[in-house]
N, C-alpha and C. Protein backbone atom coordinates (compact mmCIF):
# COMPACT_ATOMS: atom_id res chain seq x y z
N MET A 1 85.62 89.31 5.01
CA MET A 1 85.68 88.00 4.40
C MET A 1 85.32 88.13 2.93
N VAL A 2 86.14 87.59 2.07
CA VAL A 2 85.94 87.67 0.64
C VAL A 2 85.54 86.28 0.13
N LEU A 3 84.45 86.24 -0.61
CA LEU A 3 84.02 84.99 -1.22
C LEU A 3 84.35 85.01 -2.71
N LYS A 4 84.90 83.93 -3.18
CA LYS A 4 85.23 83.83 -4.59
C LYS A 4 84.47 82.66 -5.19
N ALA A 5 84.14 82.79 -6.47
CA ALA A 5 83.43 81.73 -7.16
C ALA A 5 84.03 81.54 -8.54
N VAL A 6 83.90 80.34 -9.03
CA VAL A 6 84.36 80.02 -10.37
C VAL A 6 83.17 79.48 -11.14
N LYS A 7 82.91 80.05 -12.29
CA LYS A 7 81.80 79.60 -13.12
C LYS A 7 82.40 78.79 -14.27
N MET A 8 81.89 77.55 -14.40
CA MET A 8 82.42 76.66 -15.44
C MET A 8 81.27 76.14 -16.28
N ARG A 9 81.59 75.78 -17.49
CA ARG A 9 80.62 75.17 -18.38
C ARG A 9 81.30 73.99 -19.06
N ILE A 10 80.55 72.91 -19.17
CA ILE A 10 81.13 71.72 -19.81
C ILE A 10 80.47 71.52 -21.17
N TYR A 11 81.19 70.94 -22.06
CA TYR A 11 80.69 70.61 -23.38
C TYR A 11 80.92 69.12 -23.62
N PRO A 12 79.97 68.28 -23.21
CA PRO A 12 80.18 66.84 -23.36
C PRO A 12 80.07 66.40 -24.82
N SER A 13 80.79 65.34 -25.12
CA SER A 13 80.68 64.75 -26.45
C SER A 13 79.34 64.02 -26.55
N SER A 14 79.02 63.54 -27.73
CA SER A 14 77.73 62.87 -27.90
C SER A 14 77.65 61.59 -27.06
N ALA A 15 78.75 60.85 -26.93
CA ALA A 15 78.75 59.64 -26.11
C ALA A 15 78.56 60.00 -24.63
N GLN A 16 79.22 61.07 -24.18
CA GLN A 16 79.06 61.51 -22.80
C GLN A 16 77.64 62.02 -22.55
N ARG A 17 77.09 62.71 -23.54
CA ARG A 17 75.72 63.21 -23.42
C ARG A 17 74.74 62.05 -23.28
N ASN A 18 74.93 61.01 -24.07
CA ASN A 18 74.07 59.82 -23.98
C ASN A 18 74.20 59.14 -22.62
N GLN A 19 75.42 59.07 -22.10
CA GLN A 19 75.63 58.47 -20.79
C GLN A 19 74.96 59.30 -19.70
N LEU A 20 75.01 60.61 -19.81
CA LEU A 20 74.34 61.48 -18.83
C LEU A 20 72.83 61.28 -18.86
N TRP A 21 72.25 61.25 -20.07
CA TRP A 21 70.80 61.04 -20.18
C TRP A 21 70.40 59.68 -19.62
N GLN A 22 71.21 58.67 -19.88
CA GLN A 22 70.92 57.33 -19.37
C GLN A 22 70.98 57.32 -17.84
N THR A 23 71.97 57.99 -17.28
CA THR A 23 72.10 58.05 -15.83
C THR A 23 70.93 58.79 -15.20
N PHE A 24 70.53 59.92 -15.81
CA PHE A 24 69.39 60.67 -15.29
C PHE A 24 68.11 59.83 -15.34
N GLY A 25 67.95 59.07 -16.41
CA GLY A 25 66.78 58.20 -16.53
C GLY A 25 66.78 57.09 -15.49
N CYS A 26 67.94 56.51 -15.23
CA CYS A 26 68.03 55.46 -14.22
C CYS A 26 67.76 56.01 -12.82
N VAL A 27 68.27 57.20 -12.54
CA VAL A 27 68.03 57.82 -11.24
C VAL A 27 66.55 58.10 -11.05
N ARG A 28 65.91 58.61 -12.09
CA ARG A 28 64.46 58.87 -12.02
C ARG A 28 63.69 57.57 -11.82
N PHE A 29 64.10 56.50 -12.50
CA PHE A 29 63.44 55.20 -12.37
C PHE A 29 63.58 54.67 -10.94
N VAL A 30 64.78 54.75 -10.37
CA VAL A 30 65.01 54.26 -9.01
C VAL A 30 64.18 55.07 -8.02
N TRP A 31 64.15 56.39 -8.19
CA TRP A 31 63.33 57.25 -7.31
C TRP A 31 61.87 56.80 -7.35
N ASN A 32 61.32 56.64 -8.56
CA ASN A 32 59.91 56.27 -8.70
C ASN A 32 59.64 54.87 -8.15
N GLN A 33 60.54 53.92 -8.37
CA GLN A 33 60.35 52.56 -7.86
C GLN A 33 60.38 52.54 -6.34
N MET A 34 61.34 53.24 -5.75
CA MET A 34 61.45 53.25 -4.29
C MET A 34 60.28 54.01 -3.66
N LEU A 35 59.83 55.07 -4.28
CA LEU A 35 58.67 55.80 -3.77
C LEU A 35 57.43 54.93 -3.83
N ASN A 36 57.25 54.21 -4.94
CA ASN A 36 56.12 53.30 -5.08
C ASN A 36 56.20 52.18 -4.04
N MET A 37 57.41 51.67 -3.79
CA MET A 37 57.60 50.62 -2.79
C MET A 37 57.20 51.12 -1.40
N GLN A 38 57.58 52.35 -1.08
CA GLN A 38 57.24 52.91 0.23
C GLN A 38 55.72 53.08 0.37
N ILE A 39 55.07 53.55 -0.70
CA ILE A 39 53.62 53.77 -0.67
C ILE A 39 52.90 52.43 -0.52
N GLU A 40 53.28 51.43 -1.32
CA GLU A 40 52.64 50.12 -1.26
C GLU A 40 52.89 49.44 0.09
N ARG A 41 54.07 49.60 0.61
CA ARG A 41 54.41 49.01 1.91
C ARG A 41 53.53 49.61 3.00
N ARG A 42 53.31 50.90 2.94
CA ARG A 42 52.48 51.58 3.93
C ARG A 42 51.01 51.18 3.78
N LYS A 43 50.57 50.96 2.52
CA LYS A 43 49.18 50.52 2.27
C LYS A 43 48.95 49.13 2.84
N ASN A 44 49.90 48.22 2.62
CA ASN A 44 49.74 46.83 3.06
C ASN A 44 49.82 46.69 4.58
N ASN A 45 50.66 47.49 5.20
CA ASN A 45 50.82 47.40 6.66
C ASN A 45 51.03 48.81 7.21
N PRO A 46 49.98 49.46 7.68
CA PRO A 46 50.11 50.84 8.16
C PRO A 46 51.06 51.01 9.35
N GLU A 47 51.32 49.94 10.09
CA GLU A 47 52.23 50.04 11.23
C GLU A 47 53.70 49.89 10.84
N SER A 48 53.96 49.58 9.56
CA SER A 48 55.34 49.37 9.15
C SER A 48 56.12 50.67 9.20
N LYS A 49 57.39 50.54 9.52
CA LYS A 49 58.25 51.71 9.62
C LYS A 49 58.78 52.10 8.26
N PHE A 50 59.21 53.33 8.17
CA PHE A 50 59.81 53.88 6.96
C PHE A 50 61.16 53.22 6.70
N VAL A 51 61.44 52.87 5.45
CA VAL A 51 62.73 52.28 5.08
C VAL A 51 63.70 53.43 4.83
N ASN A 52 64.81 53.43 5.57
CA ASN A 52 65.77 54.53 5.43
C ASN A 52 66.66 54.34 4.21
N ALA A 53 67.60 55.25 4.02
CA ALA A 53 68.46 55.22 2.83
C ALA A 53 69.30 53.94 2.78
N PHE A 54 69.79 53.49 3.94
CA PHE A 54 70.59 52.27 3.97
C PHE A 54 69.75 51.07 3.53
N GLY A 55 68.52 50.99 4.00
CA GLY A 55 67.63 49.90 3.60
C GLY A 55 67.29 49.95 2.12
N MET A 56 67.10 51.16 1.60
CA MET A 56 66.79 51.29 0.17
C MET A 56 68.00 50.92 -0.67
N ASN A 57 69.22 51.21 -0.18
CA ASN A 57 70.41 50.81 -0.92
C ASN A 57 70.54 49.29 -0.97
N ASN A 58 70.11 48.61 0.08
CA ASN A 58 70.11 47.14 0.05
C ASN A 58 69.07 46.63 -0.94
N LEU A 59 67.93 47.30 -1.04
CA LEU A 59 66.91 46.91 -2.01
C LEU A 59 67.35 47.22 -3.45
N LEU A 60 68.27 48.15 -3.58
CA LEU A 60 68.77 48.52 -4.90
C LEU A 60 69.48 47.35 -5.58
N LYS A 61 70.13 46.50 -4.78
CA LYS A 61 70.80 45.32 -5.33
C LYS A 61 69.78 44.41 -6.03
N GLN A 62 68.64 44.19 -5.38
CA GLN A 62 67.60 43.35 -5.97
C GLN A 62 67.01 44.01 -7.20
N LEU A 63 66.89 45.33 -7.17
CA LEU A 63 66.35 46.07 -8.31
C LEU A 63 67.28 45.94 -9.52
N LYS A 64 68.60 45.90 -9.28
CA LYS A 64 69.56 45.73 -10.36
C LYS A 64 69.50 44.33 -10.96
N VAL A 65 69.14 43.34 -10.13
CA VAL A 65 68.97 41.98 -10.65
C VAL A 65 67.73 41.91 -11.53
N GLU A 66 66.66 42.59 -11.08
CA GLU A 66 65.41 42.58 -11.81
C GLU A 66 65.50 43.39 -13.11
N TYR A 67 66.22 44.50 -13.06
CA TYR A 67 66.39 45.37 -14.23
C TYR A 67 67.89 45.51 -14.50
N PRO A 68 68.47 44.63 -15.33
CA PRO A 68 69.93 44.63 -15.54
C PRO A 68 70.47 45.91 -16.17
N TRP A 69 69.64 46.66 -16.87
CA TRP A 69 70.13 47.90 -17.50
C TRP A 69 70.46 48.97 -16.47
N LEU A 70 70.06 48.80 -15.21
CA LEU A 70 70.44 49.75 -14.17
C LEU A 70 71.94 49.68 -13.85
N LYS A 71 72.57 48.56 -14.20
CA LYS A 71 74.00 48.41 -13.93
C LYS A 71 74.84 49.33 -14.80
N GLN A 72 74.27 49.85 -15.89
CA GLN A 72 75.02 50.72 -16.78
C GLN A 72 75.18 52.13 -16.20
N ALA A 73 74.36 52.49 -15.23
CA ALA A 73 74.45 53.81 -14.60
C ALA A 73 75.44 53.76 -13.44
N GLU A 74 75.94 54.92 -13.08
CA GLU A 74 76.86 55.03 -11.95
C GLU A 74 76.14 54.69 -10.66
N SER A 75 76.74 53.83 -9.85
CA SER A 75 76.08 53.35 -8.63
C SER A 75 75.88 54.45 -7.60
N THR A 76 76.83 55.40 -7.53
CA THR A 76 76.69 56.47 -6.54
C THR A 76 75.53 57.40 -6.89
N ALA A 77 75.21 57.53 -8.16
CA ALA A 77 74.06 58.35 -8.56
C ALA A 77 72.77 57.70 -8.10
N LEU A 78 72.69 56.38 -8.23
CA LEU A 78 71.50 55.67 -7.79
C LEU A 78 71.37 55.71 -6.26
N GLN A 79 72.49 55.61 -5.57
CA GLN A 79 72.46 55.69 -4.11
C GLN A 79 72.08 57.09 -3.64
N SER A 80 72.48 58.11 -4.39
CA SER A 80 72.11 59.47 -4.00
C SER A 80 70.60 59.69 -4.21
N ALA A 81 70.00 59.00 -5.17
CA ALA A 81 68.55 59.08 -5.34
C ALA A 81 67.86 58.52 -4.09
N ASN A 82 68.37 57.41 -3.57
CA ASN A 82 67.82 56.83 -2.34
C ASN A 82 68.00 57.77 -1.16
N ARG A 83 69.18 58.38 -1.07
CA ARG A 83 69.45 59.31 0.02
C ARG A 83 68.53 60.53 -0.07
N ASN A 84 68.33 61.04 -1.28
CA ASN A 84 67.45 62.20 -1.46
C ASN A 84 66.00 61.85 -1.13
N LEU A 85 65.57 60.64 -1.50
CA LEU A 85 64.21 60.22 -1.18
C LEU A 85 64.02 60.06 0.33
N ALA A 86 65.02 59.49 1.00
CA ALA A 86 64.95 59.36 2.46
C ALA A 86 64.88 60.73 3.11
N ASP A 87 65.65 61.68 2.58
CA ASP A 87 65.62 63.05 3.11
C ASP A 87 64.26 63.69 2.86
N ALA A 88 63.67 63.44 1.70
CA ALA A 88 62.35 63.99 1.39
C ALA A 88 61.29 63.44 2.35
N PHE A 89 61.38 62.16 2.66
CA PHE A 89 60.44 61.57 3.61
C PHE A 89 60.64 62.13 5.02
N GLN A 90 61.89 62.28 5.43
CA GLN A 90 62.14 62.84 6.76
C GLN A 90 61.60 64.26 6.87
N ARG A 91 61.78 65.06 5.83
CA ARG A 91 61.24 66.42 5.84
C ARG A 91 59.71 66.40 5.84
N PHE A 92 59.11 65.43 5.16
CA PHE A 92 57.65 65.31 5.17
C PHE A 92 57.15 64.97 6.57
N PHE A 93 57.82 64.03 7.23
CA PHE A 93 57.39 63.63 8.58
C PHE A 93 57.55 64.76 9.59
N LYS A 94 58.53 65.63 9.37
CA LYS A 94 58.73 66.77 10.26
C LYS A 94 57.77 67.92 9.95
N GLY A 95 57.06 67.84 8.83
CA GLY A 95 56.13 68.89 8.45
C GLY A 95 56.77 70.03 7.68
N GLN A 96 57.99 69.84 7.19
CA GLN A 96 58.68 70.89 6.46
C GLN A 96 58.30 70.92 4.99
N ASN A 97 58.00 69.76 4.40
CA ASN A 97 57.69 69.66 2.97
C ASN A 97 56.41 68.88 2.76
N LYS A 98 55.96 68.87 1.52
CA LYS A 98 54.82 68.04 1.14
C LYS A 98 55.31 66.61 0.91
N PHE A 99 54.35 65.71 0.66
CA PHE A 99 54.68 64.31 0.38
C PHE A 99 55.50 64.24 -0.91
N PRO A 100 56.55 63.41 -0.96
CA PRO A 100 57.36 63.28 -2.18
C PRO A 100 56.52 62.83 -3.37
N ARG A 101 56.84 63.37 -4.54
CA ARG A 101 56.09 63.05 -5.75
C ARG A 101 56.93 62.24 -6.72
N PHE A 102 56.25 61.58 -7.62
CA PHE A 102 56.92 60.83 -8.67
C PHE A 102 57.56 61.81 -9.63
N LYS A 103 58.69 61.40 -10.20
CA LYS A 103 59.43 62.24 -11.14
C LYS A 103 59.04 61.89 -12.57
N SER A 104 58.93 62.90 -13.40
CA SER A 104 58.55 62.71 -14.79
C SER A 104 59.73 63.12 -15.68
N ARG A 105 59.81 62.53 -16.84
CA ARG A 105 60.84 62.90 -17.79
C ARG A 105 60.57 64.28 -18.38
N LYS A 106 59.29 64.61 -18.48
CA LYS A 106 58.90 65.88 -19.11
C LYS A 106 59.11 67.07 -18.20
N TYR A 107 58.80 66.90 -16.91
CA TYR A 107 58.85 68.03 -15.99
C TYR A 107 59.85 67.74 -14.88
N SER A 108 60.77 68.65 -14.68
CA SER A 108 61.82 68.41 -13.70
C SER A 108 61.37 68.62 -12.28
């Protein structure tokens, strides 16, 4: 069996670069907001169940109303942040990973 790979590099324009940075910032903001929501929800009611990715995507609509600048980012990127956070929580509950952490702009 032969495996082949293609290595590519992109050179975005300044407008595309700004859009990428804005999208990364919005994804980080959604991750931090949803993580904070899960932590506060658990603090207020320890018997409450974990909100899955579908539930977080429904909450994303309200988050976009509260923060209109989130509408400028690609919606699938924000939904993937919710899916990744749900996966991080599932891995935590299974004992595979540590508790999910907040994302910082400085440290990836």
